[in-house]
Amino acid sequence: LRGLSVRQTEQRAKAIQAGEGSSEGLTIGIKNVDFSEYSETDLKTMARQLTKKTKTKSQIKLRANGSGKIELTFYSTEQMNHLVDKLLESEWT
């Protein structure tokens, strides 16, 4: 996204959604973002909130089609077990 204006980035994202362009160059931890739904700032804010809550590095990667992934980095098996325990004790509806 560096070196492109906001308008150029939006046009490029729309072209990718329409299948007319390449996603190459649109990655900074956030792939093929649908800028109409979430801004890069929104995603970074959510990742910072996850980092604060989990006390580990977090990333959100979102594709134009709405799919994506949330990554939580751990630095030991103890930390991994703690993260898994916390996720499993959460209420899922």
PDB file of N, CA and C in Angstrom:
ATOM      1  N   LEU A   1       0.816  -1.199   0.000  1.00  0.00           N
ATOM      2  CA  LEU A   1       0.000   0.000   0.000  1.00  0.00           C
ATOM      3  C   LEU A   1       0.854   1.254   0.000  1.00  0.00           C
ATOM      4  N   ARG A   2       2.095   1.108   0.333  1.00  0.00           N
ATOM      5  CA  ARG A   2       2.980   2.269   0.328  1.00  0.00           C
ATOM      6  C   ARG A   2       3.173   2.761  -1.095  1.00  0.00           C
ATOM      7  N   GLY A   3       3.149   4.055  -1.253  1.00  0.00           N
ATOM      8  CA  GLY A   3       3.365   4.642  -2.557  1.00  0.00           C
ATOM      9  C   GLY A   3       2.089   4.835  -3.353  1.00  0.00           C
ATOM     10  N   LEU A   4       0.981   4.287  -2.898  1.00  0.00           N
ATOM     11  CA  LEU A   4      -0.296   4.469  -3.584  1.00  0.00           C
ATOM     12  C   LEU A   4      -1.148   5.476  -2.820  1.00  0.00           C
ATOM     13  N   SER A   5      -1.917   6.262  -3.566  1.00  0.00           N
ATOM     14  CA  SER A   5      -2.858   7.156  -2.909  1.00  0.00           C
ATOM     15  C   SER A   5      -4.041   6.342  -2.400  1.00  0.00           C
ATOM     16  N   VAL A   6      -4.858   6.940  -1.570  1.00  0.00           N
ATOM     17  CA  VAL A   6      -6.054   6.261  -1.071  1.00  0.00           C
ATOM     18  C   VAL A   6      -6.940   5.847  -2.239  1.00  0.00           C
ATOM     19  N   ARG A   7      -7.122   6.727  -3.199  1.00  0.00           N
ATOM     20  CA  ARG A   7      -7.971   6.431  -4.366  1.00  0.00           C
ATOM     21  C   ARG A   7      -7.401   5.270  -5.182  1.00  0.00           C
ATOM     22  N   GLN A   8      -6.082   5.276  -5.395  1.00  0.00           N
ATOM     23  CA  GLN A   8      -5.457   4.190  -6.147  1.00  0.00           C
ATOM     24  C   GLN A   8      -5.638   2.860  -5.423  1.00  0.00           C
ATOM     25  N   THR A   9      -5.487   2.883  -4.120  1.00  0.00           N
ATOM     26  CA  THR A   9      -5.650   1.666  -3.326  1.00  0.00           C
ATOM     27  C   THR A   9      -7.084   1.156  -3.418  1.00  0.00           C
ATOM     28  N   GLU A  10      -8.055   2.058  -3.305  1.00  0.00           N
ATOM     29  CA  GLU A  10      -9.463   1.666  -3.418  1.00  0.00           C
ATOM     30  C   GLU A  10      -9.754   1.078  -4.793  1.00  0.00           C
ATOM     31  N   GLN A  11      -9.234   1.728  -5.845  1.00  0.00           N
ATOM     32  CA  GLN A  11      -9.454   1.229  -7.204  1.00  0.00           C
ATOM     33  C   GLN A  11      -8.835  -0.153  -7.386  1.00  0.00           C
ATOM     34  N   ARG A  12      -7.656  -0.339  -6.820  1.00  0.00           N
ATOM     35  CA  ARG A  12      -6.980  -1.623  -6.935  1.00  0.00           C
ATOM     36  C   ARG A  12      -7.750  -2.719  -6.191  1.00  0.00           C
ATOM     37  N   ALA A  13      -8.258  -2.387  -5.014  1.00  0.00           N
ATOM     38  CA  ALA A  13      -9.040  -3.354  -4.241  1.00  0.00           C
ATOM     39  C   ALA A  13     -10.316  -3.735  -4.992  1.00  0.00           C
ATOM     40  N   LYS A  14     -10.979  -2.763  -5.599  1.00  0.00           N
ATOM     41  CA  LYS A  14     -12.191  -3.049  -6.368  1.00  0.00           C
ATOM     42  C   LYS A  14     -11.891  -3.922  -7.573  1.00  0.00           C
ATOM     43  N   ALA A  15     -10.763  -3.675  -8.234  1.00  0.00           N
ATOM     44  CA  ALA A  15     -10.378  -4.485  -9.384  1.00  0.00           C
ATOM     45  C   ALA A  15     -10.119  -5.923  -8.956  1.00  0.00           C
ATOM     46  N   ILE A  16      -9.496  -6.106  -7.809  1.00  0.00           N
ATOM     47  CA  ILE A  16      -9.225  -7.461  -7.312  1.00  0.00           C
ATOM     48  C   ILE A  16     -10.533  -8.166  -6.996  1.00  0.00           C
ATOM     49  N   GLN A  17     -11.458  -7.437  -6.354  1.00  0.00           N
ATOM     50  CA  GLN A  17     -12.759  -8.030  -6.034  1.00  0.00           C
ATOM     51  C   GLN A  17     -13.480  -8.474  -7.297  1.00  0.00           C
ATOM     52  N   ALA A  18     -13.337  -7.699  -8.364  1.00  0.00           N
ATOM     53  CA  ALA A  18     -14.000  -8.014  -9.617  1.00  0.00           C
ATOM     54  C   ALA A  18     -13.227  -9.061 -10.420  1.00  0.00           C
ATOM     55  N   GLY A  19     -12.086  -9.489  -9.897  1.00  0.00           N
ATOM     56  CA  GLY A  19     -11.280 -10.491 -10.583  1.00  0.00           C
ATOM     57  C   GLY A  19     -10.439  -9.917 -11.700  1.00  0.00           C
ATOM     58  N   GLU A  20     -10.241  -8.605 -11.701  1.00  0.00           N
ATOM     59  CA  GLU A  20      -9.535  -7.952 -12.798  1.00  0.00           C
ATOM     60  C   GLU A  20      -8.095  -7.598 -12.472  1.00  0.00           C
ATOM     61  N   GLY A  21      -7.684  -7.806 -11.239  1.00  0.00           N
ATOM     62  CA  GLY A  21      -6.335  -7.381 -10.894  1.00  0.00           C
ATOM     63  C   GLY A  21      -5.626  -8.393 -10.031  1.00  0.00           C
ATOM     64  N   SER A  22      -4.406  -8.075  -9.718  1.00  0.00           N
ATOM     65  CA  SER A  22      -3.579  -8.928  -8.880  1.00  0.00           C
ATOM     66  C   SER A  22      -3.543  -8.369  -7.465  1.00  0.00           C
ATOM     67  N   SER A  23      -3.511  -9.256  -6.490  1.00  0.00           N
ATOM     68  CA  SER A  23      -3.411  -8.814  -5.105  1.00  0.00           C
ATOM     69  C   SER A  23      -1.968  -8.535  -4.714  1.00  0.00           C
ATOM     70  N   GLU A  24      -1.031  -8.795  -5.633  1.00  0.00           N
ATOM     71  CA  GLU A  24       0.383  -8.579  -5.334  1.00  0.00           C
ATOM     72  C   GLU A  24       0.613  -7.126  -4.941  1.00  0.00           C
ATOM     73  N   GLY A  25       1.331  -6.918  -3.880  1.00  0.00           N
ATOM     74  CA  GLY A  25       1.614  -5.567  -3.416  1.00  0.00           C
ATOM     75  C   GLY A  25       0.594  -5.024  -2.450  1.00  0.00           C
ATOM     76  N   LEU A  26      -0.452  -5.770  -2.174  1.00  0.00           N
ATOM     77  CA  LEU A  26      -1.480  -5.292  -1.258  1.00  0.00           C
ATOM     78  C   LEU A  26      -1.391  -5.968   0.099  1.00  0.00           C
ATOM     79  N   THR A  27      -0.233  -6.476   0.461  1.00  0.00           N
ATOM     80  CA  THR A  27      -0.118  -7.161   1.731  1.00  0.00           C
ATOM     81  C   THR A  27       0.765  -6.392   2.695  1.00  0.00           C
ATOM     82  N   ILE A  28       0.253  -6.198   3.883  1.00  0.00           N
ATOM     83  CA  ILE A  28       1.013  -5.646   4.997  1.00  0.00           C
ATOM     84  C   ILE A  28       0.455  -6.279   6.260  1.00  0.00           C
ATOM     85  N   GLY A  29       0.215  -7.573   6.206  1.00  0.00           N
ATOM     86  CA  GLY A  29      -0.437  -8.258   7.311  1.00  0.00           C
ATOM     87  C   GLY A  29      -1.942  -8.270   7.133  1.00  0.00           C
ATOM     88  N   ILE A  30      -2.427  -7.529   6.170  1.00  0.00           N
ATOM     89  CA  ILE A  30      -3.855  -7.470   5.881  1.00  0.00           C
ATOM     90  C   ILE A  30      -3.983  -7.674   4.383  1.00  0.00           C
ATOM     91  N   LYS A  31      -4.549  -8.797   3.945  1.00  0.00           N
ATOM     92  CA  LYS A  31      -4.604  -9.125   2.526  1.00  0.00           C
ATOM     93  C   LYS A  31      -5.940  -8.745   1.912  1.00  0.00           C
ATOM     94  N   ASN A  32      -5.876  -8.144   0.746  1.00  0.00           N
ATOM     95  CA  ASN A  32      -7.056  -7.889  -0.087  1.00  0.00           C
ATOM     96  C   ASN A  32      -8.227  -7.320   0.709  1.00  0.00           C
ATOM     97  N   VAL A  33      -7.998  -6.264   1.413  1.00  0.00           N
ATOM     98  CA  VAL A  33      -9.008  -5.704   2.305  1.00  0.00           C
ATOM     99  C   VAL A  33     -10.160  -5.098   1.523  1.00  0.00           C
ATOM    100  N   ASP A  34     -11.390  -5.388   1.945  1.00  0.00           N
ATOM    101  CA  ASP A  34     -12.576  -4.736   1.411  1.00  0.00           C
ATOM    102  C   ASP A  34     -12.699  -3.408   2.157  1.00  0.00           C
ATOM    103  N   PHE A  35     -12.212  -2.344   1.545  1.00  0.00           N
ATOM    104  CA  PHE A  35     -12.129  -1.064   2.224  1.00  0.00           C
ATOM    105  C   PHE A  35     -13.493  -0.465   2.545  1.00  0.00           C
ATOM    106  N   SER A  36     -14.553  -0.950   1.897  1.00  0.00           N
ATOM    107  CA  SER A  36     -15.877  -0.404   2.190  1.00  0.00           C
ATOM    108  C   SER A  36     -16.396  -0.869   3.543  1.00  0.00           C
ATOM    109  N   GLU A  37     -15.904  -2.012   4.052  1.00  0.00           N
ATOM    110  CA  GLU A  37     -16.412  -2.535   5.312  1.00  0.00           C
ATOM    111  C   GLU A  37     -15.504  -2.193   6.491  1.00  0.00           C
ATOM    112  N   TYR A  38     -14.201  -2.418   6.353  1.00  0.00           N
ATOM    113  CA  TYR A  38     -13.243  -2.142   7.421  1.00  0.00           C
ATOM    114  C   TYR A  38     -12.064  -1.385   6.849  1.00  0.00           C
ATOM    115  N   SER A  39     -11.662  -0.370   7.547  1.00  0.00           N
ATOM    116  CA  SER A  39     -10.457   0.340   7.130  1.00  0.00           C
ATOM    117  C   SER A  39      -9.245  -0.348   7.737  1.00  0.00           C
ATOM    118  N   GLU A  40      -8.096  -0.052   7.204  1.00  0.00           N
ATOM    119  CA  GLU A  40      -6.850  -0.585   7.752  1.00  0.00           C
ATOM    120  C   GLU A  40      -6.725  -0.187   9.222  1.00  0.00           C
ATOM    121  N   THR A  41      -7.144   1.025   9.534  1.00  0.00           N
ATOM    122  CA  THR A  41      -7.104   1.507  10.917  1.00  0.00           C
ATOM    123  C   THR A  41      -8.005   0.675  11.816  1.00  0.00           C
ATOM    124  N   ASP A  42      -9.202   0.330  11.328  1.00  0.00           N
ATOM    125  CA  ASP A  42     -10.122  -0.513  12.105  1.00  0.00           C
ATOM    126  C   ASP A  42      -9.479  -1.855  12.443  1.00  0.00           C
ATOM    127  N   LEU A  43      -8.860  -2.478  11.434  1.00  0.00           N
ATOM    128  CA  LEU A  43      -8.242  -3.786  11.638  1.00  0.00           C
ATOM    129  C   LEU A  43      -7.061  -3.707  12.595  1.00  0.00           C
ATOM    130  N   LYS A  44      -6.263  -2.659  12.458  1.00  0.00           N
ATOM    131  CA  LYS A  44      -5.127  -2.491  13.366  1.00  0.00           C
ATOM    132  C   LYS A  44      -5.608  -2.231  14.789  1.00  0.00           C
ATOM    133  N   THR A  45      -6.691  -1.475  14.934  1.00  0.00           N
ATOM    134  CA  THR A  45      -7.259  -1.220  16.263  1.00  0.00           C
ATOM    135  C   THR A  45      -7.746  -2.512  16.896  1.00  0.00           C
ATOM    136  N   MET A  46      -8.440  -3.347  16.118  1.00  0.00           N
ATOM    137  CA  MET A  46      -8.915  -4.634  16.641  1.00  0.00           C
ATOM    138  C   MET A  46      -7.733  -5.524  17.030  1.00  0.00           C
ATOM    139  N   ALA A  47      -6.685  -5.529  16.211  1.00  0.00           N
ATOM    140  CA  ALA A  47      -5.507  -6.340  16.521  1.00  0.00           C
ATOM    141  C   ALA A  47      -4.829  -5.832  17.793  1.00  0.00           C
ATOM    142  N   ARG A  48      -4.762  -4.515  17.967  1.00  0.00           N
ATOM    143  CA  ARG A  48      -4.175  -3.952  19.202  1.00  0.00           C
ATOM    144  C   ARG A  48      -5.003  -4.350  20.413  1.00  0.00           C
ATOM    145  N   GLN A  49      -6.324  -4.342  20.278  1.00  0.00           N
ATOM    146  CA  GLN A  49      -7.187  -4.751  21.391  1.00  0.00           C
ATOM    147  C   GLN A  49      -6.950  -6.216  21.740  1.00  0.00           C
ATOM    148  N   LEU A  50      -6.799  -7.062  20.721  1.00  0.00           N
ATOM    149  CA  LEU A  50      -6.496  -8.477  20.966  1.00  0.00           C
ATOM    150  C   LEU A  50      -5.129  -8.631  21.637  1.00  0.00           C
ATOM    151  N   THR A  51      -4.163  -7.870  21.175  1.00  0.00           N
ATOM    152  CA  THR A  51      -2.822  -7.923  21.767  1.00  0.00           C
ATOM    153  C   THR A  51      -2.871  -7.538  23.240  1.00  0.00           C
ATOM    154  N   LYS A  52      -3.612  -6.494  23.528  1.00  0.00           N
ATOM    155  CA  LYS A  52      -3.727  -6.041  24.919  1.00  0.00           C
ATOM    156  C   LYS A  52      -4.419  -7.109  25.776  1.00  0.00           C
ATOM    157  N   LYS A  53      -5.482  -7.687  25.261  1.00  0.00           N
ATOM    158  CA  LYS A  53      -6.259  -8.675  26.009  1.00  0.00           C
ATOM    159  C   LYS A  53      -5.491  -9.987  26.191  1.00  0.00           C
ATOM    160  N   THR A  54      -4.801 -10.434  25.141  1.00  0.00           N
ATOM    161  CA  THR A  54      -4.113 -11.726  25.195  1.00  0.00           C
ATOM    162  C   THR A  54      -2.668 -11.608  25.671  1.00  0.00           C
ATOM    163  N   LYS A  55      -2.162 -10.381  25.707  1.00  0.00           N
ATOM    164  CA  LYS A  55      -0.774 -10.124  26.112  1.00  0.00           C
ATOM    165  C   LYS A  55       0.227 -10.818  25.193  1.00  0.00           C
ATOM    166  N   THR A  56      -0.127 -10.911  23.911  1.00  0.00           N
ATOM    167  CA  THR A  56       0.775 -11.458  22.901  1.00  0.00           C
ATOM    168  C   THR A  56       0.471 -10.793  21.562  1.00  0.00           C
ATOM    169  N   LYS A  57       1.399 -10.877  20.628  1.00  0.00           N
ATOM    170  CA  LYS A  57       1.229 -10.263  19.315  1.00  0.00           C
ATOM    171  C   LYS A  57       0.024 -10.866  18.601  1.00  0.00           C
ATOM    172  N   SER A  58      -0.790 -10.002  18.014  1.00  0.00           N
ATOM    173  CA  SER A  58      -1.982 -10.434  17.294  1.00  0.00           C
ATOM    174  C   SER A  58      -2.031  -9.755  15.940  1.00  0.00           C
ATOM    175  N   GLN A  59      -2.532 -10.455  14.952  1.00  0.00           N
ATOM    176  CA  GLN A  59      -2.741  -9.890  13.622  1.00  0.00           C
ATOM    177  C   GLN A  59      -4.096 -10.341  13.102  1.00  0.00           C
ATOM    178  N   ILE A  60      -4.723  -9.467  12.336  1.00  0.00           N
ATOM    179  CA  ILE A  60      -5.962  -9.820  11.654  1.00  0.00           C
ATOM    180  C   ILE A  60      -5.695  -9.680  10.171  1.00  0.00           C
ATOM    181  N   LYS A  61      -5.948 -10.742   9.429  1.00  0.00           N
ATOM    182  CA  LYS A  61      -5.751 -10.735   7.979  1.00  0.00           C
ATOM    183  C   LYS A  61      -7.117 -10.951   7.348  1.00  0.00           C
ATOM    184  N   LEU A  62      -7.544  -9.990   6.551  1.00  0.00           N
ATOM    185  CA  LEU A  62      -8.878 -10.010   5.961  1.00  0.00           C
ATOM    186  C   LEU A  62      -8.774  -9.931   4.450  1.00  0.00           C
ATOM    187  N   ARG A  63      -9.486 -10.808   3.767  1.00  0.00           N
ATOM    188  CA  ARG A  63      -9.521 -10.803   2.307  1.00  0.00           C
ATOM    189  C   ARG A  63     -10.779 -10.067   1.836  1.00  0.00           C
ATOM    190  N   ALA A  64     -10.781  -9.694   0.589  1.00  0.00           N
ATOM    191  CA  ALA A  64     -11.894  -8.939   0.016  1.00  0.00           C
ATOM    192  C   ALA A  64     -13.207  -9.703   0.089  1.00  0.00           C
ATOM    193  N   ASN A  65     -13.151 -11.040   0.071  1.00  0.00           N
ATOM    194  CA  ASN A  65     -14.394 -11.816   0.086  1.00  0.00           C
ATOM    195  C   ASN A  65     -14.957 -11.991   1.499  1.00  0.00           C
ATOM    196  N   GLY A  66     -14.289 -11.377   2.490  1.00  0.00           N
ATOM    197  CA  GLY A  66     -14.785 -11.454   3.862  1.00  0.00           C
ATOM    198  C   GLY A  66     -14.154 -12.564   4.678  1.00  0.00           C
ATOM    199  N   SER A  67     -13.431 -13.468   4.044  1.00  0.00           N
ATOM    200  CA  SER A  67     -12.746 -14.518   4.797  1.00  0.00           C
ATOM    201  C   SER A  67     -11.421 -13.966   5.317  1.00  0.00           C
ATOM    202  N   GLY A  68     -10.809 -14.699   6.198  1.00  0.00           N
ATOM    203  CA  GLY A  68      -9.527 -14.247   6.714  1.00  0.00           C
ATOM    204  C   GLY A  68      -9.105 -15.070   7.897  1.00  0.00           C
ATOM    205  N   LYS A  69      -8.191 -14.521   8.672  1.00  0.00           N
ATOM    206  CA  LYS A  69      -7.751 -15.237   9.857  1.00  0.00           C
ATOM    207  C   LYS A  69      -7.253 -14.270  10.913  1.00  0.00           C
ATOM    208  N   ILE A  70      -7.300 -14.759  12.134  1.00  0.00           N
ATOM    209  CA  ILE A  70      -6.758 -14.041  13.279  1.00  0.00           C
ATOM    210  C   ILE A  70      -5.568 -14.854  13.755  1.00  0.00           C
ATOM    211  N   GLU A  71      -4.425 -14.212  13.883  1.00  0.00           N
ATOM    212  CA  GLU A  71      -3.221 -14.896  14.336  1.00  0.00           C
ATOM    213  C   GLU A  71      -2.813 -14.395  15.707  1.00  0.00           C
ATOM    214  N   LEU A  72      -2.570 -15.328  16.613  1.00  0.00           N
ATOM    215  CA  LEU A  72      -2.043 -15.024  17.939  1.00  0.00           C
ATOM    216  C   LEU A  72      -0.672 -15.688  18.029  1.00  0.00           C
ATOM    217  N   THR A  73       0.348 -14.921  18.308  1.00  0.00           N
ATOM    218  CA  THR A  73       1.704 -15.444  18.402  1.00  0.00           C
ATOM    219  C   THR A  73       1.988 -15.850  19.838  1.00  0.00           C
ATOM    220  N   PHE A  74       2.611 -17.013  20.005  1.00  0.00           N
ATOM    221  CA  PHE A  74       3.030 -17.424  21.344  1.00  0.00           C
ATOM    222  C   PHE A  74       4.507 -17.774  21.304  1.00  0.00           C
ATOM    223  N   TYR A  75       5.155 -17.673  22.461  1.00  0.00           N
ATOM    224  CA  TYR A  75       6.606 -17.828  22.535  1.00  0.00           C
ATOM    225  C   TYR A  75       7.036 -19.009  23.406  1.00  0.00           C
ATOM    226  N   SER A  76       6.074 -19.767  23.886  1.00  0.00           N
ATOM    227  CA  SER A  76       6.369 -20.970  24.654  1.00  0.00           C
ATOM    228  C   SER A  76       5.119 -21.849  24.655  1.00  0.00           C
ATOM    229  N   THR A  77       5.312 -23.117  24.957  1.00  0.00           N
ATOM    230  CA  THR A  77       4.144 -24.005  25.028  1.00  0.00           C
ATOM    231  C   THR A  77       3.253 -23.611  26.203  1.00  0.00           C
ATOM    232  N   GLU A  78       3.843 -23.067  27.237  1.00  0.00           N
ATOM    233  CA  GLU A  78       3.043 -22.598  28.380  1.00  0.00           C
ATOM    234  C   GLU A  78       2.113 -21.471  27.944  1.00  0.00           C
ATOM    235  N   GLN A  79       2.644 -20.535  27.176  1.00  0.00           N
ATOM    236  CA  GLN A  79       1.823 -19.430  26.685  1.00  0.00           C
ATOM    237  C   GLN A  79       0.757 -19.949  25.711  1.00  0.00           C
ATOM    238  N   MET A  80       1.108 -20.914  24.871  1.00  0.00           N
ATOM    239  CA  MET A  80       0.136 -21.503  23.954  1.00  0.00           C
ATOM    240  C   MET A  80      -1.000 -22.153  24.737  1.00  0.00           C
ATOM    241  N   ASN A  81      -0.662 -22.934  25.749  1.00  0.00           N
ATOM    242  CA  ASN A  81      -1.687 -23.588  26.564  1.00  0.00           C
ATOM    243  C   ASN A  81      -2.592 -22.569  27.236  1.00  0.00           C
ATOM    244  N   HIS A  82      -2.017 -21.485  27.705  1.00  0.00           N
ATOM    245  CA  HIS A  82      -2.800 -20.429  28.345  1.00  0.00           C
ATOM    246  C   HIS A  82      -3.792 -19.822  27.339  1.00  0.00           C
ATOM    247  N   LEU A  83      -3.318 -19.531  26.126  1.00  0.00           N
ATOM    248  CA  LEU A  83      -4.194 -18.961  25.099  1.00  0.00           C
ATOM    249  C   LEU A  83      -5.322 -19.931  24.741  1.00  0.00           C
ATOM    250  N   VAL A  84      -4.992 -21.193  24.566  1.00  0.00           N
ATOM    251  CA  VAL A  84      -6.005 -22.194  24.222  1.00  0.00           C
ATOM    252  C   VAL A  84      -7.022 -22.327  25.354  1.00  0.00           C
ATOM    253  N   ASP A  85      -6.538 -22.382  26.593  1.00  0.00           N
ATOM    254  CA  ASP A  85      -7.452 -22.473  27.739  1.00  0.00           C
ATOM    255  C   ASP A  85      -8.416 -21.296  27.764  1.00  0.00           C
ATOM    256  N   LYS A  86      -7.896 -20.090  27.546  1.00  0.00           N
ATOM    257  CA  LYS A  86      -8.747 -18.895  27.560  1.00  0.00           C
ATOM    258  C   LYS A  86      -9.772 -18.930  26.432  1.00  0.00           C
ATOM    259  N   LEU A  87      -9.366 -19.366  25.259  1.00  0.00           N
ATOM    260  CA  LEU A  87     -10.308 -19.461  24.138  1.00  0.00           C
ATOM    261  C   LEU A  87     -11.384 -20.502  24.403  1.00  0.00           C
ATOM    262  N   LEU A  88     -11.007 -21.611  24.993  1.00  0.00           N
ATOM    263  CA  LEU A  88     -11.969 -22.672  25.242  1.00  0.00           C
ATOM    264  C   LEU A  88     -12.927 -22.354  26.379  1.00  0.00           C
ATOM    265  N   GLU A  89     -12.524 -21.527  27.309  1.00  0.00           N
ATOM    266  CA  GLU A  89     -13.441 -21.183  28.408  1.00  0.00           C
ATOM    267  C   GLU A  89     -14.390 -20.052  28.030  1.00  0.00           C
ATOM    268  N   SER A  90     -14.179 -19.420  26.890  1.00  0.00           N
ATOM    269  CA  SER A  90     -15.050 -18.345  26.439  1.00  0.00           C
ATOM    270  C   SER A  90     -16.385 -18.907  25.979  1.00  0.00           C
ATOM    271  N   GLU A  91     -17.423 -18.107  26.124  1.00  0.00           N
ATOM    272  CA  GLU A  91     -18.751 -18.502  25.661  1.00  0.00           C
ATOM    273  C   GLU A  91     -18.856 -18.254  24.161  1.00  0.00           C
ATOM    274  N   TRP A  92     -19.252 -19.259  23.407  1.00  0.00           N
ATOM    275  CA  TRP A  92     -19.446 -19.150  21.958  1.00  0.00           C
ATOM    276  C   TRP A  92     -20.926 -19.396  21.681  1.00  0.00           C
ATOM    277  N   THR A  93     -21.517 -18.508  20.945  1.00  0.00           N
ATOM    278  CA  THR A  93     -22.938 -18.684  20.618  1.00  0.00           C
ATOM    279  C   THR A  93     -23.121 -19.027  19.176  1.00  0.00           C
TER     280      THR A  93
END
